[in-house]
């Protein structure tokens, strides 16, 4: 939905490449699965950002690879509090960490804006969204907006994206009007738990 709403970047189409890092449930090969996915993603220089990884297992090791490549990452579901240290300039998330998520997400998912988005999703796709799809929608929206701001078309009509500028823009996200309420990312890449913003969003129905 986020890609459909954006259409493109400076006239260039947006392409999504799906890579499966099967680490949920903490299988024995979680680290290998996560790092293999990270190497595959960063090997293709047209991959500008990562929406994921879904689960925290093996993610810290993968983040070291994304950090070295300068590939910005936004997760809407990985909640391990230790993850920001593994990707100090590239890791971000639109979900809060393990310490708060059990109370926070049920509240977020019942906000008027989130409920309206869920209805739109269900109408469009014929089934309700899965958990955290709303958080990934906001993650995609933020990244796509920031890609446009970090891009220019050169004299050869090629799209040039400044990866460092993109990572900085995502990290500096502040009061972004998401479907999961106002999104602000702090200096470590964590989403701030803004009670005042949530109260405002709760009354906006």
N, C-alpha and C. Protein backbone atom coordinates (compact mmCIF):
# COMPACT_ATOMS: atom_id res chain seq x y z
N UNK A 1 0.82 -1.21 0.00
CA UNK A 1 0.00 0.00 0.00
C UNK A 1 0.85 1.27 0.00
N UNK A 2 1.93 1.26 0.77
CA UNK A 2 2.78 2.44 0.83
C UNK A 2 3.41 2.73 -0.52
N UNK A 3 3.85 1.69 -1.21
CA UNK A 3 4.45 1.88 -2.53
C UNK A 3 3.42 2.40 -3.51
N UNK A 4 2.22 1.85 -3.47
CA UNK A 4 1.14 2.32 -4.35
C UNK A 4 0.86 3.80 -4.11
N UNK A 5 0.88 4.22 -2.87
CA UNK A 5 0.59 5.61 -2.54
C UNK A 5 1.68 6.56 -2.99
N UNK A 6 2.92 6.09 -3.04
CA UNK A 6 4.03 6.95 -3.45
C UNK A 6 4.21 6.99 -4.96
N UNK A 7 3.96 5.89 -5.62
CA UNK A 7 4.06 5.87 -7.07
C UNK A 7 5.47 5.70 -7.60
N UNK A 8 6.41 6.49 -7.13
CA UNK A 8 7.78 6.40 -7.61
C UNK A 8 8.64 7.45 -6.93
N UNK A 9 9.91 7.49 -7.30
CA UNK A 9 10.86 8.46 -6.75
C UNK A 9 11.47 9.24 -7.90
N UNK A 10 11.12 10.50 -7.99
CA UNK A 10 11.64 11.37 -9.05
C UNK A 10 11.45 10.75 -10.44
N UNK A 11 10.31 10.11 -10.62
CA UNK A 11 10.00 9.50 -11.90
C UNK A 11 10.51 8.08 -12.08
N UNK A 12 11.21 7.55 -11.11
CA UNK A 12 11.73 6.19 -11.18
C UNK A 12 10.81 5.25 -10.39
N UNK A 13 10.54 4.05 -10.91
CA UNK A 13 9.65 3.12 -10.20
C UNK A 13 10.32 2.57 -8.95
N UNK A 14 9.50 2.20 -7.98
CA UNK A 14 9.97 1.59 -6.74
C UNK A 14 9.86 0.08 -6.88
N UNK A 15 10.91 -0.61 -6.53
CA UNK A 15 10.91 -2.07 -6.61
C UNK A 15 11.14 -2.66 -5.22
N UNK A 16 10.35 -3.66 -4.88
CA UNK A 16 10.51 -4.37 -3.62
C UNK A 16 11.11 -5.74 -3.90
N UNK A 17 12.22 -6.04 -3.27
CA UNK A 17 12.84 -7.36 -3.37
C UNK A 17 12.65 -8.08 -2.03
N UNK A 18 11.95 -9.20 -2.07
CA UNK A 18 11.68 -9.95 -0.84
C UNK A 18 12.79 -10.97 -0.59
N UNK A 19 13.34 -10.94 0.61
CA UNK A 19 14.38 -11.89 1.02
C UNK A 19 13.95 -12.48 2.35
N UNK A 20 13.91 -13.80 2.43
CA UNK A 20 13.42 -14.47 3.63
C UNK A 20 14.56 -14.78 4.59
N UNK A 21 14.51 -14.15 5.76
CA UNK A 21 15.45 -14.48 6.84
C UNK A 21 14.64 -15.22 7.90
N UNK A 22 14.60 -16.54 7.80
CA UNK A 22 13.73 -17.36 8.65
C UNK A 22 14.35 -17.56 10.03
N UNK A 23 14.18 -16.54 10.89
CA UNK A 23 14.80 -16.59 12.22
C UNK A 23 13.78 -16.64 13.35
N UNK A 24 12.49 -16.50 13.05
CA UNK A 24 11.48 -16.52 14.10
C UNK A 24 11.43 -17.91 14.75
N UNK A 25 11.28 -17.90 16.07
CA UNK A 25 11.34 -19.15 16.82
C UNK A 25 12.74 -19.55 17.22
N UNK A 26 13.72 -18.73 16.83
CA UNK A 26 15.13 -18.96 17.16
C UNK A 26 15.62 -20.36 16.75
N UNK A 27 15.54 -20.67 15.45
CA UNK A 27 16.06 -21.96 14.99
C UNK A 27 17.58 -22.01 15.15
N UNK A 28 18.18 -23.19 15.11
CA UNK A 28 19.63 -23.31 15.29
C UNK A 28 20.44 -22.51 14.27
N UNK A 29 19.87 -22.31 13.09
CA UNK A 29 20.60 -21.59 12.04
C UNK A 29 20.18 -20.13 11.94
N UNK A 30 19.65 -19.55 13.02
CA UNK A 30 19.13 -18.19 12.96
C UNK A 30 20.18 -17.18 12.53
N UNK A 31 21.37 -17.27 13.10
CA UNK A 31 22.42 -16.32 12.74
C UNK A 31 22.81 -16.48 11.28
N UNK A 32 22.96 -17.72 10.84
CA UNK A 32 23.31 -17.97 9.44
C UNK A 32 22.23 -17.45 8.50
N UNK A 33 20.96 -17.68 8.85
CA UNK A 33 19.87 -17.22 8.00
C UNK A 33 19.85 -15.70 7.92
N UNK A 34 20.06 -15.04 9.05
CA UNK A 34 20.03 -13.58 9.07
C UNK A 34 21.21 -12.97 8.32
N UNK A 35 22.40 -13.51 8.52
CA UNK A 35 23.57 -12.95 7.86
C UNK A 35 23.59 -13.27 6.37
N UNK A 36 23.12 -14.44 5.99
CA UNK A 36 23.02 -14.78 4.57
C UNK A 36 22.08 -13.81 3.86
N UNK A 37 20.95 -13.51 4.49
CA UNK A 37 20.01 -12.55 3.92
C UNK A 37 20.65 -11.17 3.81
N UNK A 38 21.39 -10.77 4.84
CA UNK A 38 22.03 -9.45 4.83
C UNK A 38 23.08 -9.35 3.72
N UNK A 39 23.88 -10.38 3.55
CA UNK A 39 24.88 -10.36 2.48
C UNK A 39 24.21 -10.32 1.11
N UNK A 40 23.12 -11.06 0.97
CA UNK A 40 22.40 -11.07 -0.31
C UNK A 40 21.83 -9.69 -0.62
N UNK A 41 21.27 -9.05 0.39
CA UNK A 41 20.68 -7.72 0.20
C UNK A 41 21.74 -6.68 -0.13
N UNK A 42 22.80 -6.65 0.63
CA UNK A 42 23.82 -5.61 0.43
C UNK A 42 24.66 -5.85 -0.82
N UNK A 43 24.65 -7.07 -1.34
CA UNK A 43 25.40 -7.33 -2.58
C UNK A 43 24.77 -6.64 -3.78
N UNK A 44 23.49 -6.35 -3.70
CA UNK A 44 22.79 -5.65 -4.78
C UNK A 44 22.72 -4.18 -4.43
N UNK A 45 23.51 -3.37 -5.09
CA UNK A 45 23.62 -1.96 -4.74
C UNK A 45 22.34 -1.17 -5.03
N UNK A 46 21.39 -1.77 -5.73
CA UNK A 46 20.11 -1.10 -5.95
C UNK A 46 19.19 -1.24 -4.75
N UNK A 47 19.54 -2.09 -3.79
CA UNK A 47 18.76 -2.19 -2.56
C UNK A 47 19.19 -1.06 -1.63
N UNK A 48 18.29 -0.12 -1.41
CA UNK A 48 18.63 1.08 -0.66
C UNK A 48 18.29 1.00 0.82
N UNK A 49 17.32 0.16 1.16
CA UNK A 49 16.86 0.09 2.54
C UNK A 49 16.27 -1.28 2.81
N UNK A 50 16.22 -1.63 4.08
CA UNK A 50 15.65 -2.90 4.52
C UNK A 50 14.47 -2.61 5.43
N UNK A 51 13.33 -3.22 5.13
CA UNK A 51 12.18 -3.20 6.03
C UNK A 51 12.16 -4.56 6.73
N UNK A 52 12.61 -4.61 7.92
CA UNK A 52 12.78 -5.86 8.65
C UNK A 52 14.00 -5.69 9.55
N UNK A 53 14.50 -6.74 10.07
CA UNK A 53 14.03 -8.09 9.97
C UNK A 53 12.87 -8.30 10.93
N UNK A 54 12.06 -9.33 10.70
CA UNK A 54 10.83 -9.51 11.45
C UNK A 54 11.13 -9.88 12.91
N UNK A 55 11.99 -10.85 13.13
CA UNK A 55 12.31 -11.31 14.49
C UNK A 55 13.73 -10.92 14.87
N UNK A 56 13.98 -10.86 16.16
CA UNK A 56 15.27 -10.37 16.66
C UNK A 56 16.39 -11.40 16.57
N UNK A 57 16.08 -12.69 16.49
CA UNK A 57 17.11 -13.72 16.50
C UNK A 57 18.04 -13.56 15.29
N UNK A 58 19.33 -13.47 15.56
CA UNK A 58 20.33 -13.32 14.50
C UNK A 58 20.42 -11.92 13.92
N UNK A 59 19.55 -11.03 14.38
CA UNK A 59 19.48 -9.69 13.78
C UNK A 59 20.72 -8.87 14.09
N UNK A 60 21.25 -9.00 15.30
CA UNK A 60 22.43 -8.21 15.66
C UNK A 60 23.60 -8.50 14.73
N UNK A 61 23.79 -9.77 14.40
CA UNK A 61 24.88 -10.14 13.49
C UNK A 61 24.61 -9.61 12.08
N UNK A 62 23.35 -9.63 11.66
CA UNK A 62 23.01 -9.07 10.35
C UNK A 62 23.20 -7.56 10.32
N UNK A 63 22.88 -6.91 11.44
CA UNK A 63 23.03 -5.46 11.49
C UNK A 63 24.47 -5.02 11.30
N UNK A 64 25.41 -5.82 11.75
CA UNK A 64 26.82 -5.49 11.54
C UNK A 64 27.14 -5.40 10.05
N UNK A 65 26.48 -6.24 9.26
CA UNK A 65 26.68 -6.25 7.80
C UNK A 65 26.02 -5.02 7.19
N UNK A 66 24.79 -4.72 7.61
CA UNK A 66 24.11 -3.52 7.10
C UNK A 66 24.87 -2.25 7.50
N UNK A 67 25.41 -2.23 8.70
CA UNK A 67 26.16 -1.08 9.16
C UNK A 67 27.38 -0.85 8.27
N UNK A 68 28.12 -1.90 7.98
CA UNK A 68 29.31 -1.77 7.14
C UNK A 68 28.96 -1.29 5.75
N UNK A 69 27.80 -1.73 5.23
CA UNK A 69 27.38 -1.35 3.88
C UNK A 69 26.69 0.00 3.84
N UNK A 70 26.33 0.54 4.99
CA UNK A 70 25.61 1.80 5.04
C UNK A 70 24.18 1.68 4.57
N UNK A 71 23.59 0.51 4.75
CA UNK A 71 22.22 0.26 4.32
C UNK A 71 21.27 0.48 5.49
N UNK A 72 20.38 1.45 5.35
CA UNK A 72 19.47 1.79 6.43
C UNK A 72 18.44 0.68 6.63
N UNK A 73 18.09 0.44 7.87
CA UNK A 73 17.18 -0.64 8.25
C UNK A 73 16.08 -0.07 9.15
N UNK A 74 14.83 -0.43 8.85
CA UNK A 74 13.72 -0.05 9.73
C UNK A 74 12.88 -1.29 9.99
N UNK A 75 12.80 -1.70 11.23
CA UNK A 75 11.98 -2.86 11.61
C UNK A 75 10.70 -2.39 12.28
N UNK A 76 9.62 -3.08 11.97
CA UNK A 76 8.36 -2.80 12.62
C UNK A 76 7.98 -3.87 13.61
N UNK A 77 8.93 -4.76 13.95
CA UNK A 77 8.55 -5.89 14.81
C UNK A 77 9.67 -6.43 15.69
N UNK A 78 10.91 -6.16 15.39
CA UNK A 78 12.03 -6.68 16.19
C UNK A 78 12.20 -5.81 17.43
N UNK A 79 12.05 -6.40 18.60
CA UNK A 79 11.93 -5.63 19.83
C UNK A 79 13.09 -5.79 20.82
N UNK A 80 14.10 -6.58 20.49
CA UNK A 80 15.22 -6.78 21.42
C UNK A 80 15.88 -5.44 21.76
N UNK A 81 15.99 -5.09 23.04
CA UNK A 81 16.56 -3.79 23.41
C UNK A 81 18.02 -3.62 23.00
N UNK A 82 18.74 -4.71 22.74
CA UNK A 82 20.16 -4.62 22.42
C UNK A 82 20.43 -4.28 20.96
N UNK A 83 19.43 -4.29 20.11
CA UNK A 83 19.66 -4.13 18.67
C UNK A 83 20.26 -2.79 18.27
N UNK A 84 19.89 -1.65 18.87
CA UNK A 84 20.47 -0.39 18.41
C UNK A 84 22.00 -0.36 18.44
N UNK A 85 22.60 -1.02 19.41
CA UNK A 85 24.07 -1.01 19.51
C UNK A 85 24.72 -1.75 18.36
N UNK A 86 23.99 -2.67 17.72
CA UNK A 86 24.57 -3.45 16.62
C UNK A 86 24.54 -2.70 15.29
N UNK A 87 23.70 -1.67 15.20
CA UNK A 87 23.63 -0.87 13.98
C UNK A 87 23.53 0.60 14.34
N UNK A 88 24.58 1.17 14.92
CA UNK A 88 24.47 2.49 15.55
C UNK A 88 23.99 3.62 14.65
N UNK A 89 24.25 3.54 13.34
CA UNK A 89 23.79 4.62 12.45
C UNK A 89 22.73 4.15 11.46
N UNK A 90 22.48 2.85 11.37
CA UNK A 90 21.54 2.37 10.34
C UNK A 90 20.28 1.73 10.91
N UNK A 91 20.29 1.27 12.15
CA UNK A 91 19.13 0.57 12.70
C UNK A 91 18.10 1.54 13.25
N UNK A 92 16.85 1.30 12.88
CA UNK A 92 15.72 2.08 13.39
C UNK A 92 14.53 1.13 13.53
N UNK A 93 13.56 1.54 14.34
CA UNK A 93 12.34 0.74 14.41
C UNK A 93 11.12 1.62 14.70
N UNK A 94 9.99 1.17 14.15
CA UNK A 94 8.73 1.87 14.36
C UNK A 94 7.91 1.22 15.47
N UNK A 95 8.48 0.22 16.11
CA UNK A 95 7.89 -0.43 17.28
C UNK A 95 8.76 -0.09 18.49
N UNK A 96 8.19 -0.16 19.68
CA UNK A 96 9.00 0.04 20.88
C UNK A 96 9.64 -1.29 21.27
N UNK A 97 10.55 -1.25 22.24
CA UNK A 97 11.29 -2.47 22.56
C UNK A 97 10.53 -3.37 23.53
N UNK A 98 11.17 -4.50 23.87
CA UNK A 98 10.54 -5.52 24.71
C UNK A 98 10.01 -5.00 26.04
N UNK A 99 10.63 -3.96 26.56
CA UNK A 99 10.26 -3.47 27.87
C UNK A 99 8.86 -2.86 27.91
N UNK A 100 8.34 -2.46 26.73
CA UNK A 100 7.06 -1.73 26.72
C UNK A 100 6.05 -2.28 25.73
N UNK A 101 6.47 -3.15 24.83
CA UNK A 101 5.63 -3.48 23.67
C UNK A 101 4.34 -4.20 24.03
N UNK A 102 4.33 -5.01 25.08
CA UNK A 102 3.14 -5.80 25.40
C UNK A 102 1.94 -4.93 25.75
N UNK A 103 2.18 -3.80 26.37
CA UNK A 103 1.10 -2.85 26.67
C UNK A 103 0.89 -1.84 25.54
N UNK A 104 1.97 -1.50 24.87
CA UNK A 104 1.95 -0.43 23.88
C UNK A 104 1.22 -0.82 22.60
N UNK A 105 1.54 -1.98 22.04
CA UNK A 105 0.97 -2.30 20.72
C UNK A 105 -0.55 -2.50 20.75
N UNK A 106 -1.11 -3.18 21.75
CA UNK A 106 -2.57 -3.28 21.78
C UNK A 106 -3.26 -1.92 21.80
N UNK A 107 -2.65 -0.94 22.47
CA UNK A 107 -3.22 0.40 22.50
C UNK A 107 -3.10 1.07 21.13
N UNK A 108 -1.92 0.96 20.52
CA UNK A 108 -1.70 1.56 19.21
C UNK A 108 -2.65 0.98 18.16
N UNK A 109 -2.84 -0.32 18.20
CA UNK A 109 -3.63 -0.99 17.17
C UNK A 109 -5.12 -0.66 17.24
N UNK A 110 -5.55 -0.02 18.34
CA UNK A 110 -6.96 0.36 18.47
C UNK A 110 -7.19 1.86 18.33
N UNK A 111 -6.14 2.60 17.96
CA UNK A 111 -6.31 4.03 17.72
C UNK A 111 -7.16 4.25 16.46
N UNK A 112 -7.93 5.34 16.41
CA UNK A 112 -8.80 5.56 15.25
C UNK A 112 -8.07 5.53 13.91
N UNK A 113 -6.90 6.15 13.84
CA UNK A 113 -6.16 6.16 12.58
C UNK A 113 -5.71 4.77 12.17
N UNK A 114 -5.32 3.96 13.13
CA UNK A 114 -4.89 2.60 12.85
C UNK A 114 -6.07 1.75 12.41
N UNK A 115 -7.21 1.90 13.09
CA UNK A 115 -8.41 1.14 12.73
C UNK A 115 -8.88 1.51 11.32
N UNK A 116 -8.78 2.78 10.97
CA UNK A 116 -9.17 3.21 9.62
C UNK A 116 -8.25 2.59 8.58
N UNK A 117 -6.96 2.54 8.89
CA UNK A 117 -6.01 1.92 7.96
C UNK A 117 -6.30 0.43 7.81
N UNK A 118 -6.60 -0.24 8.90
CA UNK A 118 -6.92 -1.66 8.85
C UNK A 118 -8.14 -1.93 7.97
N UNK A 119 -9.13 -1.04 8.06
CA UNK A 119 -10.32 -1.19 7.22
C UNK A 119 -9.96 -1.01 5.76
N UNK A 120 -9.17 0.01 5.45
CA UNK A 120 -8.73 0.23 4.06
C UNK A 120 -7.97 -0.98 3.54
N UNK A 121 -7.10 -1.52 4.37
CA UNK A 121 -6.32 -2.70 3.98
C UNK A 121 -7.24 -3.87 3.67
N UNK A 122 -8.19 -4.10 4.55
CA UNK A 122 -9.10 -5.24 4.38
C UNK A 122 -9.94 -5.10 3.11
N UNK A 123 -10.39 -3.89 2.83
CA UNK A 123 -11.14 -3.64 1.61
C UNK A 123 -10.27 -3.89 0.38
N UNK A 124 -9.04 -3.45 0.42
CA UNK A 124 -8.14 -3.56 -0.73
C UNK A 124 -7.72 -5.00 -1.00
N UNK A 125 -7.42 -5.76 0.08
CA UNK A 125 -6.84 -7.09 -0.09
C UNK A 125 -7.80 -8.24 0.25
N UNK A 126 -8.96 -7.91 0.77
CA UNK A 126 -9.94 -8.95 1.04
C UNK A 126 -9.71 -9.75 2.30
N UNK A 127 -8.77 -9.32 3.12
CA UNK A 127 -8.47 -9.98 4.39
C UNK A 127 -7.81 -8.95 5.30
N UNK A 128 -7.97 -9.10 6.61
CA UNK A 128 -7.36 -8.13 7.53
C UNK A 128 -5.85 -8.25 7.55
N UNK A 129 -5.15 -7.19 7.92
CA UNK A 129 -3.69 -7.25 7.98
C UNK A 129 -3.22 -8.09 9.16
N UNK A 130 -2.03 -8.62 9.04
CA UNK A 130 -1.41 -9.35 10.14
C UNK A 130 -0.89 -8.38 11.18
N UNK A 131 -0.57 -8.89 12.35
CA UNK A 131 0.04 -8.04 13.38
C UNK A 131 1.31 -7.40 12.83
N UNK A 132 1.50 -6.15 13.19
CA UNK A 132 2.69 -5.35 12.86
C UNK A 132 2.69 -4.84 11.42
N UNK A 133 1.70 -5.22 10.61
CA UNK A 133 1.66 -4.69 9.24
C UNK A 133 1.50 -3.17 9.26
N UNK A 134 0.78 -2.65 10.23
CA UNK A 134 0.61 -1.21 10.36
C UNK A 134 1.94 -0.52 10.65
N UNK A 135 2.76 -1.15 11.47
CA UNK A 135 4.07 -0.58 11.80
C UNK A 135 5.01 -0.63 10.60
N UNK A 136 4.88 -1.67 9.80
CA UNK A 136 5.70 -1.74 8.58
C UNK A 136 5.20 -0.78 7.51
N UNK A 137 3.92 -0.52 7.51
CA UNK A 137 3.40 0.51 6.59
C UNK A 137 4.04 1.86 6.91
N UNK A 138 4.07 2.20 8.19
CA UNK A 138 4.70 3.47 8.58
C UNK A 138 6.19 3.45 8.26
N UNK A 139 6.85 2.31 8.50
CA UNK A 139 8.27 2.20 8.18
C UNK A 139 8.51 2.45 6.70
N UNK A 140 7.68 1.84 5.84
CA UNK A 140 7.83 2.02 4.40
C UNK A 140 7.57 3.45 4.00
N UNK A 141 6.55 4.06 4.57
CA UNK A 141 6.23 5.45 4.26
C UNK A 141 7.40 6.37 4.59
N UNK A 142 7.97 6.19 5.77
CA UNK A 142 9.10 7.02 6.19
C UNK A 142 10.27 6.85 5.25
N UNK A 143 10.62 5.61 4.95
CA UNK A 143 11.76 5.34 4.07
C UNK A 143 11.54 5.93 2.68
N UNK A 144 10.37 5.74 2.12
CA UNK A 144 10.10 6.24 0.77
C UNK A 144 10.14 7.77 0.72
N UNK A 145 9.59 8.41 1.73
CA UNK A 145 9.68 9.87 1.78
C UNK A 145 11.14 10.32 1.84
N UNK A 146 11.93 9.63 2.66
CA UNK A 146 13.31 10.04 2.85
C UNK A 146 14.20 9.69 1.65
N UNK A 147 13.87 8.62 0.94
CA UNK A 147 14.61 8.32 -0.29
C UNK A 147 14.45 9.46 -1.27
N UNK A 148 13.24 9.95 -1.41
CA UNK A 148 13.01 11.07 -2.34
C UNK A 148 13.85 12.28 -1.94
N UNK A 149 13.93 12.54 -0.63
CA UNK A 149 14.69 13.69 -0.17
C UNK A 149 16.19 13.53 -0.29
N UNK A 150 16.67 12.28 -0.37
CA UNK A 150 18.12 12.02 -0.45
C UNK A 150 18.56 11.70 -1.88
N UNK A 151 17.69 11.96 -2.85
CA UNK A 151 17.97 11.55 -4.23
C UNK A 151 18.08 12.74 -5.17
N UNK A 152 18.77 12.50 -6.25
CA UNK A 152 18.81 13.46 -7.35
C UNK A 152 19.04 12.71 -8.65
N UNK A 153 18.65 13.32 -9.76
CA UNK A 153 18.87 12.73 -11.08
C UNK A 153 20.08 13.41 -11.70
N UNK A 154 21.08 12.60 -12.11
CA UNK A 154 22.31 13.18 -12.63
C UNK A 154 22.19 13.50 -14.12
N UNK A 155 23.28 13.95 -14.70
CA UNK A 155 23.28 14.38 -16.10
C UNK A 155 23.00 13.25 -17.07
N UNK A 156 23.19 12.01 -16.62
CA UNK A 156 22.91 10.84 -17.46
C UNK A 156 21.50 10.30 -17.24
N UNK A 157 20.71 11.06 -16.50
CA UNK A 157 19.34 10.66 -16.16
C UNK A 157 19.29 9.40 -15.30
N UNK A 158 20.33 9.19 -14.49
CA UNK A 158 20.34 8.11 -13.51
C UNK A 158 19.93 8.67 -12.15
N UNK A 159 19.23 7.84 -11.38
CA UNK A 159 18.85 8.24 -10.03
C UNK A 159 20.01 7.96 -9.08
N UNK A 160 20.46 8.99 -8.39
CA UNK A 160 21.56 8.86 -7.44
C UNK A 160 21.01 9.09 -6.04
N UNK A 161 21.21 8.11 -5.16
CA UNK A 161 20.72 8.22 -3.79
C UNK A 161 21.90 8.27 -2.83
N UNK A 162 21.93 9.28 -2.01
CA UNK A 162 22.98 9.44 -1.00
C UNK A 162 22.60 8.59 0.22
N UNK A 163 23.27 7.45 0.38
CA UNK A 163 22.91 6.52 1.44
C UNK A 163 23.11 7.11 2.84
N UNK A 164 24.17 7.88 3.00
CA UNK A 164 24.42 8.49 4.31
C UNK A 164 23.32 9.50 4.65
N UNK A 165 22.92 10.28 3.66
CA UNK A 165 21.85 11.25 3.87
C UNK A 165 20.53 10.55 4.17
N UNK A 166 20.29 9.42 3.50
CA UNK A 166 19.08 8.65 3.75
C UNK A 166 19.06 8.12 5.19
N UNK A 167 20.18 7.55 5.63
CA UNK A 167 20.25 7.03 6.99
C UNK A 167 20.05 8.13 8.02
N UNK A 168 20.62 9.30 7.75
CA UNK A 168 20.47 10.43 8.67
C UNK A 168 19.03 10.91 8.71
N UNK A 169 18.39 10.96 7.55
CA UNK A 169 17.00 11.43 7.49
C UNK A 169 16.07 10.49 8.25
N UNK A 170 16.26 9.19 8.07
CA UNK A 170 15.42 8.24 8.80
C UNK A 170 15.65 8.37 10.30
N UNK A 171 16.89 8.47 10.71
CA UNK A 171 17.21 8.59 12.13
C UNK A 171 16.62 9.87 12.73
N UNK A 172 16.48 10.89 11.92
CA UNK A 172 15.96 12.17 12.41
C UNK A 172 14.44 12.28 12.30
N UNK A 173 13.76 11.17 12.06
CA UNK A 173 12.31 11.18 11.96
C UNK A 173 11.69 11.76 13.24
N UNK A 174 10.83 12.75 13.07
CA UNK A 174 10.23 13.41 14.23
C UNK A 174 8.78 13.77 13.92
N UNK A 175 7.87 13.31 14.76
CA UNK A 175 6.45 13.62 14.63
C UNK A 175 5.91 13.27 13.25
N UNK A 176 6.36 12.13 12.72
CA UNK A 176 5.87 11.70 11.41
C UNK A 176 4.42 11.24 11.56
N UNK A 177 3.51 11.74 10.73
CA UNK A 177 2.08 11.40 10.88
C UNK A 177 1.75 10.02 10.35
N UNK A 178 2.05 9.01 11.13
CA UNK A 178 1.83 7.64 10.69
C UNK A 178 0.44 7.14 11.02
N UNK A 179 0.09 5.97 10.48
CA UNK A 179 -1.19 5.36 10.83
C UNK A 179 -1.15 4.83 12.26
N UNK A 180 0.05 4.61 12.80
CA UNK A 180 0.22 4.16 14.19
C UNK A 180 0.50 5.33 15.13
N UNK A 181 -0.01 6.48 14.76
CA UNK A 181 0.16 7.73 15.51
C UNK A 181 1.48 8.40 15.13
N UNK A 182 1.79 9.46 15.79
CA UNK A 182 3.00 10.23 15.50
C UNK A 182 4.25 9.39 15.79
N UNK A 183 5.15 9.32 14.81
CA UNK A 183 6.36 8.51 14.93
C UNK A 183 7.57 9.41 15.09
N UNK A 184 8.28 9.22 16.18
CA UNK A 184 9.56 9.89 16.40
C UNK A 184 10.60 8.83 16.73
N UNK A 185 11.74 8.91 16.07
CA UNK A 185 12.84 7.97 16.31
C UNK A 185 13.94 8.71 17.06
N UNK A 186 14.40 8.13 18.15
CA UNK A 186 15.40 8.82 18.95
C UNK A 186 16.80 8.61 18.41
N UNK A 187 17.79 9.15 19.10
CA UNK A 187 19.16 9.17 18.58
C UNK A 187 19.78 7.78 18.46
N UNK A 188 19.20 6.78 19.13
CA UNK A 188 19.72 5.41 19.05
C UNK A 188 18.98 4.57 18.02
N UNK A 189 17.90 5.10 17.47
CA UNK A 189 17.11 4.36 16.50
C UNK A 189 15.83 3.78 17.04
N UNK A 190 15.59 3.94 18.34
CA UNK A 190 14.36 3.45 18.95
C UNK A 190 13.21 4.42 18.71
N UNK A 191 11.99 3.88 18.58
CA UNK A 191 10.81 4.73 18.54
C UNK A 191 10.52 5.22 19.95
N UNK A 192 10.21 6.50 20.07
CA UNK A 192 9.86 7.03 21.38
C UNK A 192 8.43 6.64 21.73
N UNK A 193 8.21 6.36 23.01
CA UNK A 193 6.88 6.03 23.52
C UNK A 193 6.27 7.33 24.02
N UNK A 194 5.49 7.99 23.16
CA UNK A 194 5.00 9.35 23.42
C UNK A 194 3.56 9.29 23.90
N UNK A 195 3.37 9.31 25.22
CA UNK A 195 2.03 9.21 25.78
C UNK A 195 1.14 10.37 25.35
N UNK A 196 1.73 11.57 25.27
CA UNK A 196 0.93 12.74 24.88
C UNK A 196 0.43 12.60 23.45
N UNK A 197 1.30 12.13 22.55
CA UNK A 197 0.90 11.94 21.15
C UNK A 197 -0.18 10.86 21.04
N UNK A 198 -0.03 9.78 21.80
CA UNK A 198 -1.02 8.70 21.77
C UNK A 198 -2.37 9.20 22.26
N UNK A 199 -2.36 10.02 23.30
CA UNK A 199 -3.61 10.57 23.80
C UNK A 199 -4.27 11.45 22.75
N UNK A 200 -3.46 12.23 22.04
CA UNK A 200 -4.01 13.07 20.97
C UNK A 200 -4.60 12.22 19.86
N UNK A 201 -3.87 11.18 19.47
CA UNK A 201 -4.36 10.30 18.41
C UNK A 201 -5.62 9.56 18.84
N UNK A 202 -5.72 9.21 20.10
CA UNK A 202 -6.88 8.48 20.60
C UNK A 202 -8.14 9.34 20.52
N UNK A 203 -7.96 10.66 20.56
CA UNK A 203 -9.11 11.54 20.50
C UNK A 203 -9.39 12.11 19.14
N UNK A 204 -8.72 11.56 18.11
CA UNK A 204 -8.85 12.13 16.76
C UNK A 204 -9.86 11.41 15.90
N UNK A 205 -10.61 10.43 16.50
CA UNK A 205 -11.56 9.68 15.70
C UNK A 205 -12.77 10.50 15.31
